[in-house]
Amino acid sequence: MKDNTSTTNLNGLLTGESAMIIAIQTDDALRQRLLALGFRVGKRIELIRKARFSGPLQVRIGTTDILLRKQEAANILIEKI
């Protein structure tokens, strides 16, 4: 791993930051749903915005914007790039 990267979950990204998905650690049903939406190990993901009051995160994978609950985002491990 490079010195200028760090591993965290999706909740650790700041607005406008990008990262690479390195693992999805969740139950099979949610994993299948995320895979159908384009969440794959090795894919680039960008945080567009975080809603106030523990609301959802808006993320972009490719040209698709997706809203995720914070609980779901906590199960997606990323490496900042």
PDB file of N, CA and C in Angstrom:
ATOM      1  N   MET A   1       0.830  -1.174   0.000  1.00  0.00           N
ATOM      2  CA  MET A   1       0.000   0.000   0.000  1.00  0.00           C
ATOM      3  C   MET A   1       0.881   1.246   0.000  1.00  0.00           C
ATOM      4  N   LYS A   2       0.453   2.279  -0.723  1.00  0.00           N
ATOM      5  CA  LYS A   2       1.229   3.505  -0.820  1.00  0.00           C
ATOM      6  C   LYS A   2       1.139   4.305   0.469  1.00  0.00           C
ATOM      7  N   ASP A   3       2.128   5.168   0.717  1.00  0.00           N
ATOM      8  CA  ASP A   3       2.153   5.972   1.923  1.00  0.00           C
ATOM      9  C   ASP A   3       1.060   7.035   1.946  1.00  0.00           C
ATOM     10  N   ASN A   4       0.654   7.562   0.782  1.00  0.00           N
ATOM     11  CA  ASN A   4      -0.298   8.659   0.745  1.00  0.00           C
ATOM     12  C   ASN A   4      -1.753   8.196   0.661  1.00  0.00           C
ATOM     13  N   THR A   5      -2.028   6.935   0.900  1.00  0.00           N
ATOM     14  CA  THR A   5      -3.389   6.433   0.889  1.00  0.00           C
ATOM     15  C   THR A   5      -3.756   5.952   2.282  1.00  0.00           C
ATOM     16  N   SER A   6      -5.040   5.883   2.553  1.00  0.00           N
ATOM     17  CA  SER A   6      -5.476   5.354   3.832  1.00  0.00           C
ATOM     18  C   SER A   6      -6.737   4.529   3.630  1.00  0.00           C
ATOM     19  N   THR A   7      -6.890   3.508   4.468  1.00  0.00           N
ATOM     20  CA  THR A   7      -8.035   2.616   4.386  1.00  0.00           C
ATOM     21  C   THR A   7      -9.036   2.997   5.467  1.00  0.00           C
ATOM     22  N   THR A   8     -10.297   3.098   5.093  1.00  0.00           N
ATOM     23  CA  THR A   8     -11.374   3.433   6.016  1.00  0.00           C
ATOM     24  C   THR A   8     -12.677   2.899   5.435  1.00  0.00           C
ATOM     25  N   ASN A   9     -13.803   3.256   6.032  1.00  0.00           N
ATOM     26  CA  ASN A   9     -15.071   2.910   5.389  1.00  0.00           C
ATOM     27  C   ASN A   9     -15.608   4.141   4.671  1.00  0.00           C
ATOM     28  N   LEU A  10     -16.665   3.965   3.952  1.00  0.00           N
ATOM     29  CA  LEU A  10     -17.197   5.031   3.103  1.00  0.00           C
ATOM     30  C   LEU A  10     -17.598   6.267   3.906  1.00  0.00           C
ATOM     31  N   ASN A  11     -17.971   6.089   5.166  1.00  0.00           N
ATOM     32  CA  ASN A  11     -18.320   7.228   6.013  1.00  0.00           C
ATOM     33  C   ASN A  11     -17.125   8.143   6.268  1.00  0.00           C
ATOM     34  N   GLY A  12     -15.912   7.642   6.059  1.00  0.00           N
ATOM     35  CA  GLY A  12     -14.706   8.420   6.313  1.00  0.00           C
ATOM     36  C   GLY A  12     -14.341   9.387   5.199  1.00  0.00           C
ATOM     37  N   LEU A  13     -15.027   9.334   4.072  1.00  0.00           N
ATOM     38  CA  LEU A  13     -14.733  10.252   2.969  1.00  0.00           C
ATOM     39  C   LEU A  13     -15.313  11.630   3.250  1.00  0.00           C
ATOM     40  N   LEU A  14     -14.631  12.650   2.774  1.00  0.00           N
ATOM     41  CA  LEU A  14     -15.142  14.013   2.824  1.00  0.00           C
ATOM     42  C   LEU A  14     -15.758  14.348   1.473  1.00  0.00           C
ATOM     43  N   THR A  15     -16.665  15.300   1.470  1.00  0.00           N
ATOM     44  CA  THR A  15     -17.327  15.716   0.233  1.00  0.00           C
ATOM     45  C   THR A  15     -16.297  16.070  -0.835  1.00  0.00           C
ATOM     46  N   GLY A  16     -16.456  15.499  -2.019  1.00  0.00           N
ATOM     47  CA  GLY A  16     -15.549  15.749  -3.132  1.00  0.00           C
ATOM     48  C   GLY A  16     -14.382  14.785  -3.224  1.00  0.00           C
ATOM     49  N   GLU A  17     -14.151  13.985  -2.187  1.00  0.00           N
ATOM     50  CA  GLU A  17     -13.047  13.019  -2.213  1.00  0.00           C
ATOM     51  C   GLU A  17     -13.444  11.768  -2.986  1.00  0.00           C
ATOM     52  N   SER A  18     -12.422  11.109  -3.541  1.00  0.00           N
ATOM     53  CA  SER A  18     -12.611   9.858  -4.268  1.00  0.00           C
ATOM     54  C   SER A  18     -11.839   8.745  -3.583  1.00  0.00           C
ATOM     55  N   ALA A  19     -12.280   7.528  -3.837  1.00  0.00           N
ATOM     56  CA  ALA A  19     -11.633   6.362  -3.241  1.00  0.00           C
ATOM     57  C   ALA A  19     -11.872   5.150  -4.131  1.00  0.00           C
ATOM     58  N   MET A  20     -11.161   4.087  -3.814  1.00  0.00           N
ATOM     59  CA  MET A  20     -11.295   2.807  -4.491  1.00  0.00           C
ATOM     60  C   MET A  20     -11.943   1.834  -3.504  1.00  0.00           C
ATOM     61  N   ILE A  21     -12.969   1.119  -3.951  1.00  0.00           N
ATOM     62  CA  ILE A  21     -13.619   0.125  -3.100  1.00  0.00           C
ATOM     63  C   ILE A  21     -12.682  -1.064  -2.954  1.00  0.00           C
ATOM     64  N   ILE A  22     -12.413  -1.465  -1.702  1.00  0.00           N
ATOM     65  CA  ILE A  22     -11.522  -2.611  -1.491  1.00  0.00           C
ATOM     66  C   ILE A  22     -12.251  -3.812  -0.888  1.00  0.00           C
ATOM     67  N   ALA A  23     -13.438  -3.598  -0.284  1.00  0.00           N
ATOM     68  CA  ALA A  23     -14.212  -4.721   0.254  1.00  0.00           C
ATOM     69  C   ALA A  23     -15.630  -4.272   0.565  1.00  0.00           C
ATOM     70  N   ILE A  24     -16.565  -5.217   0.467  1.00  0.00           N
ATOM     71  CA  ILE A  24     -17.950  -4.983   0.863  1.00  0.00           C
ATOM     72  C   ILE A  24     -18.272  -6.049   1.900  1.00  0.00           C
ATOM     73  N   GLN A  25     -18.405  -5.630   3.162  1.00  0.00           N
ATOM     74  CA  GLN A  25     -18.584  -6.569   4.263  1.00  0.00           C
ATOM     75  C   GLN A  25     -19.995  -6.449   4.820  1.00  0.00           C
ATOM     76  N   THR A  26     -20.933  -7.135   4.192  1.00  0.00           N
ATOM     77  CA  THR A  26     -22.327  -7.060   4.608  1.00  0.00           C
ATOM     78  C   THR A  26     -23.022  -8.381   4.314  1.00  0.00           C
ATOM     79  N   ASP A  27     -24.291  -8.460   4.700  1.00  0.00           N
ATOM     80  CA  ASP A  27     -25.036  -9.695   4.448  1.00  0.00           C
ATOM     81  C   ASP A  27     -25.241  -9.883   2.948  1.00  0.00           C
ATOM     82  N   ASP A  28     -25.591 -11.096   2.570  1.00  0.00           N
ATOM     83  CA  ASP A  28     -25.666 -11.454   1.150  1.00  0.00           C
ATOM     84  C   ASP A  28     -26.719 -10.652   0.384  1.00  0.00           C
ATOM     85  N   ALA A  29     -27.865 -10.385   0.995  1.00  0.00           N
ATOM     86  CA  ALA A  29     -28.934  -9.653   0.299  1.00  0.00           C
ATOM     87  C   ALA A  29     -28.480  -8.234  -0.052  1.00  0.00           C
ATOM     88  N   LEU A  30     -27.887  -7.536   0.908  1.00  0.00           N
ATOM     89  CA  LEU A  30     -27.412  -6.173   0.642  1.00  0.00           C
ATOM     90  C   LEU A  30     -26.238  -6.200  -0.325  1.00  0.00           C
ATOM     91  N   ARG A  31     -25.370  -7.198  -0.205  1.00  0.00           N
ATOM     92  CA  ARG A  31     -24.237  -7.317  -1.125  1.00  0.00           C
ATOM     93  C   ARG A  31     -24.731  -7.452  -2.570  1.00  0.00           C
ATOM     94  N   GLN A  32     -25.744  -8.275  -2.785  1.00  0.00           N
ATOM     95  CA  GLN A  32     -26.291  -8.452  -4.133  1.00  0.00           C
ATOM     96  C   GLN A  32     -26.904  -7.158  -4.665  1.00  0.00           C
ATOM     97  N   ARG A  33     -27.586  -6.429  -3.795  1.00  0.00           N
ATOM     98  CA  ARG A  33     -28.182  -5.151  -4.195  1.00  0.00           C
ATOM     99  C   ARG A  33     -27.095  -4.151  -4.582  1.00  0.00           C
ATOM    100  N   LEU A  34     -26.039  -4.076  -3.765  1.00  0.00           N
ATOM    101  CA  LEU A  34     -24.939  -3.155  -4.054  1.00  0.00           C
ATOM    102  C   LEU A  34     -24.218  -3.536  -5.345  1.00  0.00           C
ATOM    103  N   LEU A  35     -24.018  -4.829  -5.567  1.00  0.00           N
ATOM    104  CA  LEU A  35     -23.391  -5.284  -6.810  1.00  0.00           C
ATOM    105  C   LEU A  35     -24.230  -4.880  -8.017  1.00  0.00           C
ATOM    106  N   ALA A  36     -25.556  -5.000  -7.897  1.00  0.00           N
ATOM    107  CA  ALA A  36     -26.446  -4.617  -8.989  1.00  0.00           C
ATOM    108  C   ALA A  36     -26.375  -3.115  -9.274  1.00  0.00           C
ATOM    109  N   LEU A  37     -26.048  -2.326  -8.254  1.00  0.00           N
ATOM    110  CA  LEU A  37     -25.931  -0.874  -8.418  1.00  0.00           C
ATOM    111  C   LEU A  37     -24.551  -0.444  -8.909  1.00  0.00           C
ATOM    112  N   GLY A  38     -23.617  -1.401  -9.036  1.00  0.00           N
ATOM    113  CA  GLY A  38     -22.298  -1.079  -9.561  1.00  0.00           C
ATOM    114  C   GLY A  38     -21.174  -1.060  -8.551  1.00  0.00           C
ATOM    115  N   PHE A  39     -21.469  -1.381  -7.289  1.00  0.00           N
ATOM    116  CA  PHE A  39     -20.429  -1.427  -6.263  1.00  0.00           C
ATOM    117  C   PHE A  39     -19.616  -2.690  -6.457  1.00  0.00           C
ATOM    118  N   ARG A  40     -18.374  -2.549  -6.858  1.00  0.00           N
ATOM    119  CA  ARG A  40     -17.477  -3.679  -7.093  1.00  0.00           C
ATOM    120  C   ARG A  40     -16.103  -3.338  -6.533  1.00  0.00           C
ATOM    121  N   VAL A  41     -15.419  -4.347  -6.024  1.00  0.00           N
ATOM    122  CA  VAL A  41     -14.041  -4.151  -5.568  1.00  0.00           C
ATOM    123  C   VAL A  41     -13.220  -3.639  -6.741  1.00  0.00           C
ATOM    124  N   GLY A  42     -12.458  -2.587  -6.491  1.00  0.00           N
ATOM    125  CA  GLY A  42     -11.623  -1.998  -7.528  1.00  0.00           C
ATOM    126  C   GLY A  42     -12.255  -0.815  -8.240  1.00  0.00           C
ATOM    127  N   LYS A  43     -13.555  -0.568  -8.006  1.00  0.00           N
ATOM    128  CA  LYS A  43     -14.238   0.559  -8.659  1.00  0.00           C
ATOM    129  C   LYS A  43     -13.960   1.856  -7.898  1.00  0.00           C
ATOM    130  N   ARG A  44     -13.896   2.960  -8.664  1.00  0.00           N
ATOM    131  CA  ARG A  44     -13.705   4.288  -8.082  1.00  0.00           C
ATOM    132  C   ARG A  44     -15.056   4.808  -7.621  1.00  0.00           C
ATOM    133  N   ILE A  45     -15.083   5.419  -6.436  1.00  0.00           N
ATOM    134  CA  ILE A  45     -16.300   5.978  -5.872  1.00  0.00           C
ATOM    135  C   ILE A  45     -15.996   7.387  -5.377  1.00  0.00           C
ATOM    136  N   GLU A  46     -16.946   8.295  -5.557  1.00  0.00           N
ATOM    137  CA  GLU A  46     -16.763   9.685  -5.138  1.00  0.00           C
ATOM    138  C   GLU A  46     -17.921  10.077  -4.232  1.00  0.00           C
ATOM    139  N   LEU A  47     -17.603  10.785  -3.142  1.00  0.00           N
ATOM    140  CA  LEU A  47     -18.647  11.283  -2.260  1.00  0.00           C
ATOM    141  C   LEU A  47     -19.108  12.641  -2.774  1.00  0.00           C
ATOM    142  N   ILE A  48     -20.373  12.734  -3.137  1.00  0.00           N
ATOM    143  CA  ILE A  48     -20.945  13.974  -3.651  1.00  0.00           C
ATOM    144  C   ILE A  48     -21.399  14.862  -2.500  1.00  0.00           C
ATOM    145  N   ARG A  49     -22.146  14.280  -1.574  1.00  0.00           N
ATOM    146  CA  ARG A  49     -22.561  15.060  -0.406  1.00  0.00           C
ATOM    147  C   ARG A  49     -23.020  14.150   0.715  1.00  0.00           C
ATOM    148  N   LYS A  50     -22.988  14.706   1.950  1.00  0.00           N
ATOM    149  CA  LYS A  50     -23.524  14.037   3.128  1.00  0.00           C
ATOM    150  C   LYS A  50     -24.707  14.859   3.613  1.00  0.00           C
ATOM    151  N   ALA A  51     -25.838  14.218   3.809  1.00  0.00           N
ATOM    152  CA  ALA A  51     -27.017  14.911   4.319  1.00  0.00           C
ATOM    153  C   ALA A  51     -26.838  15.211   5.805  1.00  0.00           C
ATOM    154  N   ARG A  52     -27.510  16.243   6.257  1.00  0.00           N
ATOM    155  CA  ARG A  52     -27.445  16.621   7.670  1.00  0.00           C
ATOM    156  C   ARG A  52     -28.194  15.624   8.546  1.00  0.00           C
ATOM    157  N   PHE A  53     -27.932  15.718   9.840  1.00  0.00           N
ATOM    158  CA  PHE A  53     -28.656  14.941  10.847  1.00  0.00           C
ATOM    159  C   PHE A  53     -28.608  13.440  10.588  1.00  0.00           C
ATOM    160  N   SER A  54     -27.427  12.937  10.292  1.00  0.00           N
ATOM    161  CA  SER A  54     -27.203  11.508  10.056  1.00  0.00           C
ATOM    162  C   SER A  54     -28.019  10.970   8.884  1.00  0.00           C
ATOM    163  N   GLY A  55     -28.258  11.819   7.918  1.00  0.00           N
ATOM    164  CA  GLY A  55     -28.984  11.410   6.717  1.00  0.00           C
ATOM    165  C   GLY A  55     -28.087  10.613   5.788  1.00  0.00           C
ATOM    166  N   PRO A  56     -28.600  10.303   4.599  1.00  0.00           N
ATOM    167  CA  PRO A  56     -27.855   9.455   3.662  1.00  0.00           C
ATOM    168  C   PRO A  56     -26.672  10.163   3.007  1.00  0.00           C
ATOM    169  N   LEU A  57     -25.788   9.351   2.430  1.00  0.00           N
ATOM    170  CA  LEU A  57     -24.653   9.848   1.650  1.00  0.00           C
ATOM    171  C   LEU A  57     -25.005   9.703   0.181  1.00  0.00           C
ATOM    172  N   GLN A  58     -24.662  10.711  -0.592  1.00  0.00           N
ATOM    173  CA  GLN A  58     -24.829  10.626  -2.044  1.00  0.00           C
ATOM    174  C   GLN A  58     -23.462  10.329  -2.623  1.00  0.00           C
ATOM    175  N   VAL A  59     -23.328   9.187  -3.295  1.00  0.00           N
ATOM    176  CA  VAL A  59     -22.051   8.782  -3.884  1.00  0.00           C
ATOM    177  C   VAL A  59     -22.229   8.605  -5.380  1.00  0.00           C
ATOM    178  N   ARG A  60     -21.123   8.683  -6.086  1.00  0.00           N
ATOM    179  CA  ARG A  60     -21.145   8.507  -7.539  1.00  0.00           C
ATOM    180  C   ARG A  60     -20.179   7.395  -7.910  1.00  0.00           C
ATOM    181  N   ILE A  61     -20.696   6.443  -8.687  1.00  0.00           N
ATOM    182  CA  ILE A  61     -19.874   5.389  -9.275  1.00  0.00           C
ATOM    183  C   ILE A  61     -20.072   5.509 -10.777  1.00  0.00           C
ATOM    184  N   GLY A  62     -19.018   5.862 -11.483  1.00  0.00           N
ATOM    185  CA  GLY A  62     -19.141   6.111 -12.916  1.00  0.00           C
ATOM    186  C   GLY A  62     -20.015   7.326 -13.134  1.00  0.00           C
ATOM    187  N   THR A  63     -21.134   7.141 -13.826  1.00  0.00           N
ATOM    188  CA  THR A  63     -22.063   8.250 -14.063  1.00  0.00           C
ATOM    189  C   THR A  63     -23.337   8.102 -13.242  1.00  0.00           C
ATOM    190  N   THR A  64     -23.355   7.149 -12.310  1.00  0.00           N
ATOM    191  CA  THR A  64     -24.547   6.864 -11.520  1.00  0.00           C
ATOM    192  C   THR A  64     -24.413   7.426 -10.111  1.00  0.00           C
ATOM    193  N   ASP A  65     -25.411   8.212  -9.688  1.00  0.00           N
ATOM    194  CA  ASP A  65     -25.466   8.709  -8.314  1.00  0.00           C
ATOM    195  C   ASP A  65     -26.384   7.811  -7.500  1.00  0.00           C
ATOM    196  N   ILE A  66     -25.942   7.478  -6.271  1.00  0.00           N
ATOM    197  CA  ILE A  66     -26.665   6.550  -5.413  1.00  0.00           C
ATOM    198  C   ILE A  66     -26.707   7.128  -4.004  1.00  0.00           C
ATOM    199  N   LEU A  67     -27.838   6.997  -3.329  1.00  0.00           N
ATOM    200  CA  LEU A  67     -27.957   7.390  -1.930  1.00  0.00           C
ATOM    201  C   LEU A  67     -27.828   6.151  -1.063  1.00  0.00           C
ATOM    202  N   LEU A  68     -26.989   6.247  -0.030  1.00  0.00           N
ATOM    203  CA  LEU A  68     -26.766   5.133   0.898  1.00  0.00           C
ATOM    204  C   LEU A  68     -26.998   5.590   2.328  1.00  0.00           C
ATOM    205  N   ARG A  69     -27.598   4.723   3.121  1.00  0.00           N
ATOM    206  CA  ARG A  69     -27.686   4.992   4.554  1.00  0.00           C
ATOM    207  C   ARG A  69     -26.285   4.900   5.157  1.00  0.00           C
ATOM    208  N   LYS A  70     -26.080   5.610   6.262  1.00  0.00           N
ATOM    209  CA  LYS A  70     -24.764   5.565   6.915  1.00  0.00           C
ATOM    210  C   LYS A  70     -24.414   4.149   7.381  1.00  0.00           C
ATOM    211  N   GLN A  71     -25.423   3.366   7.811  1.00  0.00           N
ATOM    212  CA  GLN A  71     -25.162   1.984   8.236  1.00  0.00           C
ATOM    213  C   GLN A  71     -24.651   1.136   7.076  1.00  0.00           C
ATOM    214  N   GLU A  72     -25.207   1.372   5.881  1.00  0.00           N
ATOM    215  CA  GLU A  72     -24.752   0.636   4.698  1.00  0.00           C
ATOM    216  C   GLU A  72     -23.351   1.088   4.306  1.00  0.00           C
ATOM    217  N   ALA A  73     -23.105   2.387   4.351  1.00  0.00           N
ATOM    218  CA  ALA A  73     -21.800   2.933   3.976  1.00  0.00           C
ATOM    219  C   ALA A  73     -20.696   2.433   4.901  1.00  0.00           C
ATOM    220  N   ALA A  74     -21.033   2.160   6.154  1.00  0.00           N
ATOM    221  CA  ALA A  74     -20.034   1.684   7.119  1.00  0.00           C
ATOM    222  C   ALA A  74     -19.497   0.312   6.747  1.00  0.00           C
ATOM    223  N   ASN A  75     -20.229  -0.441   5.922  1.00  0.00           N
ATOM    224  CA  ASN A  75     -19.814  -1.791   5.527  1.00  0.00           C
ATOM    225  C   ASN A  75     -19.010  -1.823   4.236  1.00  0.00           C
ATOM    226  N   ILE A  76     -18.767  -0.666   3.653  1.00  0.00           N
ATOM    227  CA  ILE A  76     -18.008  -0.590   2.408  1.00  0.00           C
ATOM    228  C   ILE A  76     -16.627  -0.021   2.720  1.00  0.00           C
ATOM    229  N   LEU A  77     -15.602  -0.870   2.625  1.00  0.00           N
ATOM    230  CA  LEU A  77     -14.238  -0.449   2.922  1.00  0.00           C
ATOM    231  C   LEU A  77     -13.618   0.153   1.658  1.00  0.00           C
ATOM    232  N   ILE A  78     -12.914   1.266   1.860  1.00  0.00           N
ATOM    233  CA  ILE A  78     -12.334   1.983   0.743  1.00  0.00           C
ATOM    234  C   ILE A  78     -10.883   2.355   1.032  1.00  0.00           C
ATOM    235  N   GLU A  79     -10.178   2.689  -0.029  1.00  0.00           N
ATOM    236  CA  GLU A  79      -8.826   3.230   0.079  1.00  0.00           C
ATOM    237  C   GLU A  79      -8.846   4.574  -0.633  1.00  0.00           C
ATOM    238  N   LYS A  80      -8.558   5.639   0.110  1.00  0.00           N
ATOM    239  CA  LYS A  80      -8.589   6.961  -0.485  1.00  0.00           C
ATOM    240  C   LYS A  80      -7.524   7.086  -1.568  1.00  0.00           C
ATOM    241  N   ILE A  81      -7.861   7.811  -2.650  1.00  0.00           N
ATOM    242  CA  ILE A  81      -6.911   8.027  -3.740  1.00  0.00           C
ATOM    243  C   ILE A  81      -6.772   9.501  -4.029  1.00  0.00           C
TER     244      ILE A  81
END
